[in-house]
């Protein structure tokens, strides 16, 4: 059974401006260490940051857009084939558990300056 669906888009320019203006402070507030290391390993990290930002927004929407959710309690990692997956931590995981979420699906895309993410929560 589908518990929630969330979709979000993030402008590469907007995320790039936040990164340029706030630097490490922005990165540490929004992204986990694993996410920062992954994104900063690319020659153009902003597109990867934008995709992960969109994923976090999509997850928030899929969880109902309410509750004690913090940016770094939603973490996007990649498996050995490069496929992204979403891990929830702390109060955000507790919220998902209370909604009966047992599995999630994440897809990311980026092109022409826009990053997109979709999260589907199953119970």
PDB file of N, CA and C in Angstrom:
ATOM      1  N   UNK A   1       0.838  -1.169   0.000  1.00  0.00           N
ATOM      2  CA  UNK A   1       0.000   0.000   0.000  1.00  0.00           C
ATOM      3  C   UNK A   1       0.896   1.250   0.000  1.00  0.00           C
ATOM      4  N   UNK A   2       0.522   2.219  -0.793  1.00  0.00           N
ATOM      5  CA  UNK A   2       1.279   3.473  -0.841  1.00  0.00           C
ATOM      6  C   UNK A   2       0.843   4.367   0.322  1.00  0.00           C
ATOM      7  N   UNK A   3       1.815   4.785   1.108  1.00  0.00           N
ATOM      8  CA  UNK A   3       1.574   5.654   2.258  1.00  0.00           C
ATOM      9  C   UNK A   3       1.714   7.121   1.864  1.00  0.00           C
ATOM     10  N   UNK A   4       2.633   7.407   0.944  1.00  0.00           N
ATOM     11  CA  UNK A   4       2.843   8.786   0.532  1.00  0.00           C
ATOM     12  C   UNK A   4       3.686   8.887  -0.715  1.00  0.00           C
ATOM     13  N   UNK A   5       3.467   9.962  -1.461  1.00  0.00           N
ATOM     14  CA  UNK A   5       4.244  10.258  -2.661  1.00  0.00           C
ATOM     15  C   UNK A   5       4.657  11.725  -2.584  1.00  0.00           C
ATOM     16  N   UNK A   6       5.902  11.986  -2.905  1.00  0.00           N
ATOM     17  CA  UNK A   6       6.378  13.364  -2.934  1.00  0.00           C
ATOM     18  C   UNK A   6       7.257  13.598  -4.143  1.00  0.00           C
ATOM     19  N   UNK A   7       7.101  14.750  -4.755  1.00  0.00           N
ATOM     20  CA  UNK A   7       7.910  15.141  -5.910  1.00  0.00           C
ATOM     21  C   UNK A   7       8.414  16.555  -5.654  1.00  0.00           C
ATOM     22  N   UNK A   8       9.641  16.817  -6.069  1.00  0.00           N
ATOM     23  CA  UNK A   8      10.167  18.169  -5.931  1.00  0.00           C
ATOM     24  C   UNK A   8      11.177  18.442  -7.033  1.00  0.00           C
ATOM     25  N   UNK A   9      11.309  19.707  -7.375  1.00  0.00           N
ATOM     26  CA  UNK A   9      12.350  20.148  -8.302  1.00  0.00           C
ATOM     27  C   UNK A   9      13.189  21.202  -7.594  1.00  0.00           C
ATOM     28  N   UNK A  10      14.460  21.245  -7.941  1.00  0.00           N
ATOM     29  CA  UNK A  10      15.366  22.244  -7.367  1.00  0.00           C
ATOM     30  C   UNK A  10      16.206  22.829  -8.490  1.00  0.00           C
ATOM     31  N   UNK A  11      16.290  24.125  -8.504  1.00  0.00           N
ATOM     32  CA  UNK A  11      17.091  24.828  -9.498  1.00  0.00           C
ATOM     33  C   UNK A  11      18.568  24.721  -9.143  1.00  0.00           C
ATOM     34  N   UNK A  12      19.356  24.312 -10.110  1.00  0.00           N
ATOM     35  CA  UNK A  12      20.807  24.262  -9.911  1.00  0.00           C
ATOM     36  C   UNK A  12      21.326  25.658  -9.558  1.00  0.00           C
ATOM     37  N   UNK A  13      20.780  26.676 -10.189  1.00  0.00           N
ATOM     38  CA  UNK A  13      21.208  28.054  -9.924  1.00  0.00           C
ATOM     39  C   UNK A  13      20.917  28.450  -8.478  1.00  0.00           C
ATOM     40  N   UNK A  14      19.721  28.115  -7.992  1.00  0.00           N
ATOM     41  CA  UNK A  14      19.347  28.473  -6.617  1.00  0.00           C
ATOM     42  C   UNK A  14      20.255  27.783  -5.605  1.00  0.00           C
ATOM     43  N   UNK A  15      20.466  26.494  -5.778  1.00  0.00           N
ATOM     44  CA  UNK A  15      21.325  25.747  -4.852  1.00  0.00           C
ATOM     45  C   UNK A  15      22.764  26.248  -4.968  1.00  0.00           C
ATOM     46  N   UNK A  16      23.197  26.536  -6.190  1.00  0.00           N
ATOM     47  CA  UNK A  16      24.535  27.084  -6.393  1.00  0.00           C
ATOM     48  C   UNK A  16      24.716  28.416  -5.686  1.00  0.00           C
ATOM     49  N   UNK A  17      23.683  29.263  -5.733  1.00  0.00           N
ATOM     50  CA  UNK A  17      23.751  30.555  -5.045  1.00  0.00           C
ATOM     51  C   UNK A  17      23.827  30.382  -3.528  1.00  0.00           C
ATOM     52  N   UNK A  18      23.053  29.434  -2.996  1.00  0.00           N
ATOM     53  CA  UNK A  18      23.110  29.159  -1.557  1.00  0.00           C
ATOM     54  C   UNK A  18      24.496  28.653  -1.160  1.00  0.00           C
ATOM     55  N   UNK A  19      25.042  27.765  -1.984  1.00  0.00           N
ATOM     56  CA  UNK A  19      26.372  27.209  -1.726  1.00  0.00           C
ATOM     57  C   UNK A  19      27.430  28.309  -1.790  1.00  0.00           C
ATOM     58  N   UNK A  20      27.312  29.172  -2.794  1.00  0.00           N
ATOM     59  CA  UNK A  20      28.282  30.260  -2.959  1.00  0.00           C
ATOM     60  C   UNK A  20      28.194  31.272  -1.813  1.00  0.00           C
ATOM     61  N   UNK A  21      26.977  31.596  -1.404  1.00  0.00           N
ATOM     62  CA  UNK A  21      26.775  32.605  -0.362  1.00  0.00           C
ATOM     63  C   UNK A  21      27.131  32.088   1.034  1.00  0.00           C
ATOM     64  N   UNK A  22      26.719  30.845   1.336  1.00  0.00           N
ATOM     65  CA  UNK A  22      26.861  30.330   2.699  1.00  0.00           C
ATOM     66  C   UNK A  22      27.919  29.241   2.851  1.00  0.00           C
ATOM     67  N   UNK A  23      28.401  28.704   1.741  1.00  0.00           N
ATOM     68  CA  UNK A  23      29.485  27.732   1.757  1.00  0.00           C
ATOM     69  C   UNK A  23      29.270  26.548   2.673  1.00  0.00           C
ATOM     70  N   UNK A  24      30.271  26.290   3.490  1.00  0.00           N
ATOM     71  CA  UNK A  24      30.275  25.124   4.380  1.00  0.00           C
ATOM     72  C   UNK A  24      29.095  25.136   5.353  1.00  0.00           C
ATOM     73  N   UNK A  25      28.679  26.318   5.765  1.00  0.00           N
ATOM     74  CA  UNK A  25      27.534  26.426   6.684  1.00  0.00           C
ATOM     75  C   UNK A  25      26.270  25.832   6.058  1.00  0.00           C
ATOM     76  N   UNK A  26      26.014  26.168   4.806  1.00  0.00           N
ATOM     77  CA  UNK A  26      24.868  25.608   4.084  1.00  0.00           C
ATOM     78  C   UNK A  26      25.008  24.097   3.961  1.00  0.00           C
ATOM     79  N   UNK A  27      26.180  23.640   3.537  1.00  0.00           N
ATOM     80  CA  UNK A  27      26.393  22.208   3.349  1.00  0.00           C
ATOM     81  C   UNK A  27      26.177  21.430   4.638  1.00  0.00           C
ATOM     82  N   UNK A  28      26.737  21.917   5.728  1.00  0.00           N
ATOM     83  CA  UNK A  28      26.641  21.195   7.001  1.00  0.00           C
ATOM     84  C   UNK A  28      25.245  21.249   7.608  1.00  0.00           C
ATOM     85  N   UNK A  29      24.485  22.263   7.261  1.00  0.00           N
ATOM     86  CA  UNK A  29      23.122  22.362   7.789  1.00  0.00           C
ATOM     87  C   UNK A  29      22.159  21.416   7.070  1.00  0.00           C
ATOM     88  N   UNK A  30      22.368  21.219   5.779  1.00  0.00           N
ATOM     89  CA  UNK A  30      21.405  20.480   4.963  1.00  0.00           C
ATOM     90  C   UNK A  30      21.836  19.039   4.671  1.00  0.00           C
ATOM     91  N   UNK A  31      23.121  18.806   4.478  1.00  0.00           N
ATOM     92  CA  UNK A  31      23.593  17.511   3.989  1.00  0.00           C
ATOM     93  C   UNK A  31      24.434  16.773   5.024  1.00  0.00           C
ATOM     94  N   UNK A  32      24.307  15.446   5.029  1.00  0.00           N
ATOM     95  CA  UNK A  32      25.134  14.628   5.916  1.00  0.00           C
ATOM     96  C   UNK A  32      26.560  14.588   5.383  1.00  0.00           C
ATOM     97  N   UNK A  33      27.461  14.092   6.188  1.00  0.00           N
ATOM     98  CA  UNK A  33      28.860  13.982   5.767  1.00  0.00           C
ATOM     99  C   UNK A  33      28.990  13.105   4.524  1.00  0.00           C
ATOM    100  N   UNK A  34      28.260  11.998   4.492  1.00  0.00           N
ATOM    101  CA  UNK A  34      28.292  11.097   3.327  1.00  0.00           C
ATOM    102  C   UNK A  34      27.823  11.828   2.075  1.00  0.00           C
ATOM    103  N   UNK A  35      26.740  12.592   2.184  1.00  0.00           N
ATOM    104  CA  UNK A  35      26.217  13.337   1.039  1.00  0.00           C
ATOM    105  C   UNK A  35      27.208  14.400   0.575  1.00  0.00           C
ATOM    106  N   UNK A  36      27.795  15.107   1.516  1.00  0.00           N
ATOM    107  CA  UNK A  36      28.768  16.148   1.156  1.00  0.00           C
ATOM    108  C   UNK A  36      29.965  15.541   0.432  1.00  0.00           C
ATOM    109  N   UNK A  37      30.503  14.463   0.974  1.00  0.00           N
ATOM    110  CA  UNK A  37      31.657  13.813   0.345  1.00  0.00           C
ATOM    111  C   UNK A  37      31.320  13.350  -1.069  1.00  0.00           C
ATOM    112  N   UNK A  38      30.141  12.744  -1.235  1.00  0.00           N
ATOM    113  CA  UNK A  38      29.733  12.253  -2.552  1.00  0.00           C
ATOM    114  C   UNK A  38      29.626  13.416  -3.542  1.00  0.00           C
ATOM    115  N   UNK A  39      28.876  14.438  -3.187  1.00  0.00           N
ATOM    116  CA  UNK A  39      28.635  15.554  -4.108  1.00  0.00           C
ATOM    117  C   UNK A  39      29.913  16.312  -4.439  1.00  0.00           C
ATOM    118  N   UNK A  40      30.735  16.545  -3.439  1.00  0.00           N
ATOM    119  CA  UNK A  40      31.960  17.315  -3.653  1.00  0.00           C
ATOM    120  C   UNK A  40      33.033  16.532  -4.397  1.00  0.00           C
ATOM    121  N   UNK A  41      32.802  15.237  -4.625  1.00  0.00           N
ATOM    122  CA  UNK A  41      33.766  14.433  -5.387  1.00  0.00           C
ATOM    123  C   UNK A  41      33.634  14.659  -6.896  1.00  0.00           C
ATOM    124  N   UNK A  42      32.596  15.374  -7.321  1.00  0.00           N
ATOM    125  CA  UNK A  42      32.364  15.641  -8.739  1.00  0.00           C
ATOM    126  C   UNK A  42      32.928  17.006  -9.127  1.00  0.00           C
ATOM    127  N   UNK A  43      33.268  17.142 -10.400  1.00  0.00           N
ATOM    128  CA  UNK A  43      33.777  18.434 -10.872  1.00  0.00           C
ATOM    129  C   UNK A  43      32.695  19.512 -10.826  1.00  0.00           C
ATOM    130  N   UNK A  44      31.422  19.108 -10.927  1.00  0.00           N
ATOM    131  CA  UNK A  44      30.289  20.034 -10.800  1.00  0.00           C
ATOM    132  C   UNK A  44      29.380  19.540  -9.673  1.00  0.00           C
ATOM    133  N   UNK A  45      29.735  19.824  -8.433  1.00  0.00           N
ATOM    134  CA  UNK A  45      28.971  19.276  -7.311  1.00  0.00           C
ATOM    135  C   UNK A  45      27.558  19.835  -7.167  1.00  0.00           C
ATOM    136  N   UNK A  46      27.307  21.021  -7.695  1.00  0.00           N
ATOM    137  CA  UNK A  46      26.026  21.685  -7.443  1.00  0.00           C
ATOM    138  C   UNK A  46      24.849  20.883  -7.981  1.00  0.00           C
ATOM    139  N   UNK A  47      24.983  20.256  -9.126  1.00  0.00           N
ATOM    140  CA  UNK A  47      23.866  19.482  -9.673  1.00  0.00           C
ATOM    141  C   UNK A  47      23.529  18.304  -8.754  1.00  0.00           C
ATOM    142  N   UNK A  48      24.525  17.720  -8.132  1.00  0.00           N
ATOM    143  CA  UNK A  48      24.299  16.597  -7.214  1.00  0.00           C
ATOM    144  C   UNK A  48      23.718  17.095  -5.887  1.00  0.00           C
ATOM    145  N   UNK A  49      24.164  18.253  -5.442  1.00  0.00           N
ATOM    146  CA  UNK A  49      23.574  18.868  -4.251  1.00  0.00           C
ATOM    147  C   UNK A  49      22.104  19.201  -4.499  1.00  0.00           C
ATOM    148  N   UNK A  50      21.808  19.742  -5.674  1.00  0.00           N
ATOM    149  CA  UNK A  50      20.426  20.096  -6.015  1.00  0.00           C
ATOM    150  C   UNK A  50      19.535  18.860  -6.045  1.00  0.00           C
ATOM    151  N   UNK A  51      20.036  17.755  -6.587  1.00  0.00           N
ATOM    152  CA  UNK A  51      19.246  16.520  -6.638  1.00  0.00           C
ATOM    153  C   UNK A  51      18.950  16.012  -5.232  1.00  0.00           C
ATOM    154  N   UNK A  52      19.933  16.067  -4.352  1.00  0.00           N
ATOM    155  CA  UNK A  52      19.720  15.612  -2.977  1.00  0.00           C
ATOM    156  C   UNK A  52      18.801  16.566  -2.207  1.00  0.00           C
ATOM    157  N   UNK A  53      18.908  17.844  -2.489  1.00  0.00           N
ATOM    158  CA  UNK A  53      17.999  18.810  -1.882  1.00  0.00           C
ATOM    159  C   UNK A  53      16.562  18.495  -2.310  1.00  0.00           C
ATOM    160  N   UNK A  54      16.358  18.253  -3.597  1.00  0.00           N
ATOM    161  CA  UNK A  54      15.028  17.901  -4.104  1.00  0.00           C
ATOM    162  C   UNK A  54      14.530  16.608  -3.469  1.00  0.00           C
ATOM    163  N   UNK A  55      15.424  15.638  -3.259  1.00  0.00           N
ATOM    164  CA  UNK A  55      15.036  14.367  -2.637  1.00  0.00           C
ATOM    165  C   UNK A  55      14.531  14.585  -1.214  1.00  0.00           C
ATOM    166  N   UNK A  56      15.194  15.448  -0.478  1.00  0.00           N
ATOM    167  CA  UNK A  56      14.781  15.725   0.897  1.00  0.00           C
ATOM    168  C   UNK A  56      13.418  16.427   0.921  1.00  0.00           C
ATOM    169  N   UNK A  57      13.212  17.363   0.010  1.00  0.00           N
ATOM    170  CA  UNK A  57      11.914  18.036  -0.094  1.00  0.00           C
ATOM    171  C   UNK A  57      10.819  17.042  -0.495  1.00  0.00           C
ATOM    172  N   UNK A  58      11.124  16.156  -1.432  1.00  0.00           N
ATOM    173  CA  UNK A  58      10.150  15.150  -1.863  1.00  0.00           C
ATOM    174  C   UNK A  58       9.813  14.200  -0.716  1.00  0.00           C
ATOM    175  N   UNK A  59      10.807  13.805   0.058  1.00  0.00           N
ATOM    176  CA  UNK A  59      10.569  12.925   1.208  1.00  0.00           C
ATOM    177  C   UNK A  59       9.683  13.627   2.237  1.00  0.00           C
ATOM    178  N   UNK A  60       9.964  14.896   2.483  1.00  0.00           N
ATOM    179  CA  UNK A  60       9.148  15.686   3.410  1.00  0.00           C
ATOM    180  C   UNK A  60       7.688  15.701   2.959  1.00  0.00           C
ATOM    181  N   UNK A  61       7.468  15.914   1.676  1.00  0.00           N
ATOM    182  CA  UNK A  61       6.111  15.932   1.134  1.00  0.00           C
ATOM    183  C   UNK A  61       5.457  14.559   1.241  1.00  0.00           C
ATOM    184  N   UNK A  62       6.215  13.504   0.956  1.00  0.00           N
ATOM    185  CA  UNK A  62       5.676  12.147   1.042  1.00  0.00           C
ATOM    186  C   UNK A  62       5.281  11.794   2.475  1.00  0.00           C
ATOM    187  N   UNK A  63       5.970  12.373   3.443  1.00  0.00           N
ATOM    188  CA  UNK A  63       5.658  12.142   4.859  1.00  0.00           C
ATOM    189  C   UNK A  63       4.508  13.023   5.350  1.00  0.00           C
ATOM    190  N   UNK A  64       3.915  13.786   4.470  1.00  0.00           N
ATOM    191  CA  UNK A  64       2.758  14.598   4.821  1.00  0.00           C
ATOM    192  C   UNK A  64       3.055  16.066   5.009  1.00  0.00           C
ATOM    193  N   UNK A  65       4.321  16.443   4.919  1.00  0.00           N
ATOM    194  CA  UNK A  65       4.685  17.846   5.029  1.00  0.00           C
ATOM    195  C   UNK A  65       4.528  18.435   6.422  1.00  0.00           C
ATOM    196  N   UNK A  66       4.464  17.572   7.430  1.00  0.00           N
ATOM    197  CA  UNK A  66       4.352  18.037   8.821  1.00  0.00           C
ATOM    198  C   UNK A  66       5.265  17.197   9.699  1.00  0.00           C
ATOM    199  N   UNK A  67       5.447  17.655  10.900  1.00  0.00           N
ATOM    200  CA  UNK A  67       6.188  16.831  11.855  1.00  0.00           C
ATOM    201  C   UNK A  67       7.603  17.302  12.080  1.00  0.00           C
ATOM    202  N   UNK A  68       8.263  16.667  13.009  1.00  0.00           N
ATOM    203  CA  UNK A  68       9.618  17.059  13.423  1.00  0.00           C
ATOM    204  C   UNK A  68      10.684  16.532  12.467  1.00  0.00           C
ATOM    205  N   UNK A  69      10.769  17.137  11.307  1.00  0.00           N
ATOM    206  CA  UNK A  69      11.696  16.646  10.283  1.00  0.00           C
ATOM    207  C   UNK A  69      12.873  17.609  10.158  1.00  0.00           C
ATOM    208  N   UNK A  70      14.069  17.049  10.180  1.00  0.00           N
ATOM    209  CA  UNK A  70      15.287  17.845  10.008  1.00  0.00           C
ATOM    210  C   UNK A  70      16.009  17.364   8.751  1.00  0.00           C
ATOM    211  N   UNK A  71      16.658  18.302   8.078  1.00  0.00           N
ATOM    212  CA  UNK A  71      17.325  17.997   6.807  1.00  0.00           C
ATOM    213  C   UNK A  71      18.225  16.773   6.888  1.00  0.00           C
ATOM    214  N   UNK A  72      19.077  16.732   7.894  1.00  0.00           N
ATOM    215  CA  UNK A  72      20.083  15.672   7.946  1.00  0.00           C
ATOM    216  C   UNK A  72      19.532  14.352   8.472  1.00  0.00           C
ATOM    217  N   UNK A  73      18.244  14.320   8.820  1.00  0.00           N
ATOM    218  CA  UNK A  73      17.598  13.063   9.197  1.00  0.00           C
ATOM    219  C   UNK A  73      17.108  12.305   7.966  1.00  0.00           C
ATOM    220  N   UNK A  74      17.258  12.919   6.799  1.00  0.00           N
ATOM    221  CA  UNK A  74      16.958  12.279   5.516  1.00  0.00           C
ATOM    222  C   UNK A  74      18.276  12.233   4.754  1.00  0.00           C
ATOM    223  N   UNK A  75      18.727  11.044   4.417  1.00  0.00           N
ATOM    224  CA  UNK A  75      20.053  10.900   3.812  1.00  0.00           C
ATOM    225  C   UNK A  75      19.964  10.111   2.509  1.00  0.00           C
ATOM    226  N   UNK A  76      20.537  10.681   1.464  1.00  0.00           N
ATOM    227  CA  UNK A  76      20.587  10.013   0.165  1.00  0.00           C
ATOM    228  C   UNK A  76      21.982   9.421  -0.014  1.00  0.00           C
ATOM    229  N   UNK A  77      22.007   8.122  -0.254  1.00  0.00           N
ATOM    230  CA  UNK A  77      23.263   7.418  -0.532  1.00  0.00           C
ATOM    231  C   UNK A  77      23.122   6.751  -1.894  1.00  0.00           C
ATOM    232  N   UNK A  78      24.202   6.185  -2.384  1.00  0.00           N
ATOM    233  CA  UNK A  78      24.169   5.446  -3.640  1.00  0.00           C
ATOM    234  C   UNK A  78      24.690   4.040  -3.397  1.00  0.00           C
ATOM    235  N   UNK A  79      24.043   3.063  -4.023  1.00  0.00           N
ATOM    236  CA  UNK A  79      24.534   1.694  -3.892  1.00  0.00           C
ATOM    237  C   UNK A  79      25.710   1.475  -4.839  1.00  0.00           C
ATOM    238  N   UNK A  80      26.220   0.258  -4.877  1.00  0.00           N
ATOM    239  CA  UNK A  80      27.411  -0.039  -5.679  1.00  0.00           C
ATOM    240  C   UNK A  80      27.206   0.186  -7.176  1.00  0.00           C
ATOM    241  N   UNK A  81      25.954   0.193  -7.627  1.00  0.00           N
ATOM    242  CA  UNK A  81      25.662   0.454  -9.043  1.00  0.00           C
ATOM    243  C   UNK A  81      25.358   1.927  -9.307  1.00  0.00           C
ATOM    244  N   UNK A  82      25.389   2.733  -8.250  1.00  0.00           N
ATOM    245  CA  UNK A  82      25.117   4.159  -8.404  1.00  0.00           C
ATOM    246  C   UNK A  82      23.671   4.550  -8.171  1.00  0.00           C
ATOM    247  N   UNK A  83      22.815   3.572  -7.905  1.00  0.00           N
ATOM    248  CA  UNK A  83      21.390   3.841  -7.692  1.00  0.00           C
ATOM    249  C   UNK A  83      21.185   4.551  -6.351  1.00  0.00           C
ATOM    250  N   UNK A  84      20.451   5.674  -6.346  1.00  0.00           N
ATOM    251  CA  UNK A  84      20.230   6.384  -5.085  1.00  0.00           C
ATOM    252  C   UNK A  84      19.208   5.669  -4.209  1.00  0.00           C
ATOM    253  N   UNK A  85      19.406   5.764  -2.918  1.00  0.00           N
ATOM    254  CA  UNK A  85      18.429   5.258  -1.964  1.00  0.00           C
ATOM    255  C   UNK A  85      18.365   6.192  -0.772  1.00  0.00           C
ATOM    256  N   UNK A  86      17.230   6.182  -0.117  1.00  0.00           N
ATOM    257  CA  UNK A  86      16.935   7.117   0.961  1.00  0.00           C
ATOM    258  C   UNK A  86      16.933   6.389   2.297  1.00  0.00           C
ATOM    259  N   UNK A  87      17.651   6.951   3.256  1.00  0.00           N
ATOM    260  CA  UNK A  87      17.641   6.436   4.621  1.00  0.00           C
ATOM    261  C   UNK A  87      17.112   7.533   5.533  1.00  0.00           C
ATOM    262  N   UNK A  88      16.196   7.149   6.417  1.00  0.00           N
ATOM    263  CA  UNK A  88      15.634   8.093   7.381  1.00  0.00           C
ATOM    264  C   UNK A  88      16.221   7.807   8.756  1.00  0.00           C
ATOM    265  N   UNK A  89      16.463   8.861   9.524  1.00  0.00           N
ATOM    266  CA  UNK A  89      17.068   8.736  10.844  1.00  0.00           C
ATOM    267  C   UNK A  89      16.237   9.483  11.890  1.00  0.00           C
ATOM    268  N   UNK A  90      16.437   9.116  13.153  1.00  0.00           N
ATOM    269  CA  UNK A  90      15.938   9.844  14.327  1.00  0.00           C
ATOM    270  C   UNK A  90      14.427  10.114  14.244  1.00  0.00           C
ATOM    271  N   UNK A  91      14.009  11.348  14.527  1.00  0.00           N
ATOM    272  CA  UNK A  91      12.584  11.684  14.584  1.00  0.00           C
ATOM    273  C   UNK A  91      11.892  11.490  13.237  1.00  0.00           C
ATOM    274  N   UNK A  92      12.620  11.679  12.152  1.00  0.00           N
ATOM    275  CA  UNK A  92      12.025  11.475  10.828  1.00  0.00           C
ATOM    276  C   UNK A  92      11.724   9.999  10.601  1.00  0.00           C
ATOM    277  N   UNK A  93      12.604   9.124  11.028  1.00  0.00           N
ATOM    278  CA  UNK A  93      12.346   7.680  10.948  1.00  0.00           C
ATOM    279  C   UNK A  93      11.177   7.310  11.855  1.00  0.00           C
ATOM    280  N   UNK A  94      11.132   7.901  13.046  1.00  0.00           N
ATOM    281  CA  UNK A  94      10.020   7.638  13.963  1.00  0.00           C
ATOM    282  C   UNK A  94       8.691   8.043  13.333  1.00  0.00           C
ATOM    283  N   UNK A  95       8.666   9.189  12.657  1.00  0.00           N
ATOM    284  CA  UNK A  95       7.451   9.631  11.979  1.00  0.00           C
ATOM    285  C   UNK A  95       7.061   8.639  10.894  1.00  0.00           C
ATOM    286  N   UNK A  96       8.030   8.221  10.077  1.00  0.00           N
ATOM    287  CA  UNK A  96       7.752   7.246   9.017  1.00  0.00           C
ATOM    288  C   UNK A  96       7.227   5.942   9.613  1.00  0.00           C
ATOM    289  N   UNK A  97       7.837   5.490  10.690  1.00  0.00           N
ATOM    290  CA  UNK A  97       7.376   4.263  11.354  1.00  0.00           C
ATOM    291  C   UNK A  97       5.944   4.417  11.851  1.00  0.00           C
ATOM    292  N   UNK A  98       5.621   5.578  12.407  1.00  0.00           N
ATOM    293  CA  UNK A  98       4.263   5.805  12.922  1.00  0.00           C
ATOM    294  C   UNK A  98       3.225   5.832  11.802  1.00  0.00           C
ATOM    295  N   UNK A  99       3.669   6.157  10.598  1.00  0.00           N
ATOM    296  CA  UNK A  99       2.775   6.152   9.432  1.00  0.00           C
ATOM    297  C   UNK A  99       2.694   4.778   8.784  1.00  0.00           C
ATOM    298  N   UNK A 100       3.485   3.830   9.287  1.00  0.00           N
ATOM    299  CA  UNK A 100       3.478   2.472   8.748  1.00  0.00           C
ATOM    300  C   UNK A 100       4.385   2.277   7.553  1.00  0.00           C
ATOM    301  N   UNK A 101       5.343   3.170   7.350  1.00  0.00           N
ATOM    302  CA  UNK A 101       6.258   3.055   6.209  1.00  0.00           C
ATOM    303  C   UNK A 101       7.219   1.895   6.454  1.00  0.00           C
ATOM    304  N   UNK A 102       7.269   0.983   5.493  1.00  0.00           N
ATOM    305  CA  UNK A 102       8.187  -0.153   5.603  1.00  0.00           C
ATOM    306  C   UNK A 102       9.230  -0.160   4.489  1.00  0.00           C
ATOM    307  N   UNK A 103       9.003   0.649   3.462  1.00  0.00           N
ATOM    308  CA  UNK A 103       9.906   0.664   2.311  1.00  0.00           C
ATOM    309  C   UNK A 103       9.751   2.002   1.592  1.00  0.00           C
ATOM    310  N   UNK A 104      10.851   2.469   0.990  1.00  0.00           N
ATOM    311  CA  UNK A 104      10.734   3.685   0.191  1.00  0.00           C
ATOM    312  C   UNK A 104      11.450   3.513  -1.140  1.00  0.00           C
ATOM    313  N   UNK A 105      11.047   4.322  -2.079  1.00  0.00           N
ATOM    314  CA  UNK A 105      11.642   4.324  -3.415  1.00  0.00           C
ATOM    315  C   UNK A 105      12.027   5.762  -3.736  1.00  0.00           C
ATOM    316  N   UNK A 106      13.195   5.931  -4.346  1.00  0.00           N
ATOM    317  CA  UNK A 106      13.692   7.259  -4.693  1.00  0.00           C
ATOM    318  C   UNK A 106      14.220   7.245  -6.114  1.00  0.00           C
ATOM    319  N   UNK A 107      13.845   8.248  -6.872  1.00  0.00           N
ATOM    320  CA  UNK A 107      14.448   8.447  -8.183  1.00  0.00           C
ATOM    321  C   UNK A 107      14.874   9.907  -8.292  1.00  0.00           C
ATOM    322  N   UNK A 108      16.024  10.109  -8.922  1.00  0.00           N
ATOM    323  CA  UNK A 108      16.583  11.447  -9.126  1.00  0.00           C
ATOM    324  C   UNK A 108      16.834  11.658 -10.610  1.00  0.00           C
ATOM    325  N   UNK A 109      16.705  12.899 -11.054  1.00  0.00           N
ATOM    326  CA  UNK A 109      17.051  13.253 -12.435  1.00  0.00           C
ATOM    327  C   UNK A 109      17.536  14.694 -12.436  1.00  0.00           C
ATOM    328  N   UNK A 110      18.420  14.997 -13.375  1.00  0.00           N
ATOM    329  CA  UNK A 110      18.841  16.388 -13.529  1.00  0.00           C
ATOM    330  C   UNK A 110      19.203  16.647 -14.979  1.00  0.00           C
ATOM    331  N   UNK A 111      18.742  17.826 -15.453  1.00  0.00           N
ATOM    332  CA  UNK A 111      19.000  18.239 -16.828  1.00  0.00           C
ATOM    333  C   UNK A 111      18.639  19.718 -16.943  1.00  0.00           C
ATOM    334  N   UNK A 112      19.329  20.411 -17.803  1.00  0.00           N
ATOM    335  CA  UNK A 112      19.019  21.807 -18.139  1.00  0.00           C
ATOM    336  C   UNK A 112      18.872  22.701 -16.907  1.00  0.00           C
ATOM    337  N   UNK A 113      19.727  22.485 -15.908  1.00  0.00           N
ATOM    338  CA  UNK A 113      19.728  23.355 -14.746  1.00  0.00           C
ATOM    339  C   UNK A 113      18.699  23.036 -13.684  1.00  0.00           C
ATOM    340  N   UNK A 114      17.964  21.944 -13.851  1.00  0.00           N
ATOM    341  CA  UNK A 114      16.934  21.554 -12.889  1.00  0.00           C
ATOM    342  C   UNK A 114      17.220  20.139 -12.398  1.00  0.00           C
ATOM    343  N   UNK A 115      17.057  19.929 -11.092  1.00  0.00           N
ATOM    344  CA  UNK A 115      17.129  18.588 -10.508  1.00  0.00           C
ATOM    345  C   UNK A 115      15.731  18.219 -10.029  1.00  0.00           C
ATOM    346  N   UNK A 116      15.366  16.951 -10.176  1.00  0.00           N
ATOM    347  CA  UNK A 116      14.046  16.475  -9.796  1.00  0.00           C
ATOM    348  C   UNK A 116      14.207  15.219  -8.962  1.00  0.00           C
ATOM    349  N   UNK A 117      13.308  15.043  -8.002  1.00  0.00           N
ATOM    350  CA  UNK A 117      13.293  13.827  -7.194  1.00  0.00           C
ATOM    351  C   UNK A 117      11.856  13.409  -6.940  1.00  0.00           C
ATOM    352  N   UNK A 118      11.656  12.102  -6.876  1.00  0.00           N
ATOM    353  CA  UNK A 118      10.366  11.544  -6.487  1.00  0.00           C
ATOM    354  C   UNK A 118      10.613  10.502  -5.415  1.00  0.00           C
ATOM    355  N   UNK A 119       9.804  10.552  -4.370  1.00  0.00           N
ATOM    356  CA  UNK A 119       9.869   9.581  -3.282  1.00  0.00           C
ATOM    357  C   UNK A 119       8.498   8.932  -3.155  1.00  0.00           C
ATOM    358  N   UNK A 120       8.490   7.610  -3.107  1.00  0.00           N
ATOM    359  CA  UNK A 120       7.270   6.847  -2.858  1.00  0.00           C
ATOM    360  C   UNK A 120       7.492   6.055  -1.580  1.00  0.00           C
ATOM    361  N   UNK A 121       6.557   6.188  -0.643  1.00  0.00           N
ATOM    362  CA  UNK A 121       6.622   5.461   0.622  1.00  0.00           C
ATOM    363  C   UNK A 121       5.580   4.354   0.613  1.00  0.00           C
ATOM    364  N   UNK A 122       6.005   3.154   0.956  1.00  0.00           N
ATOM    365  CA  UNK A 122       5.105   2.005   1.020  1.00  0.00           C
ATOM    366  C   UNK A 122       4.939   1.546   2.458  1.00  0.00           C
ATOM    367  N   UNK A 123       3.781   0.958   2.727  1.00  0.00           N
ATOM    368  CA  UNK A 123       3.535   0.408   4.054  1.00  0.00           C
ATOM    369  C   UNK A 123       3.002  -0.988   3.967  1.00  0.00           C
TER     370      UNK A 123
END
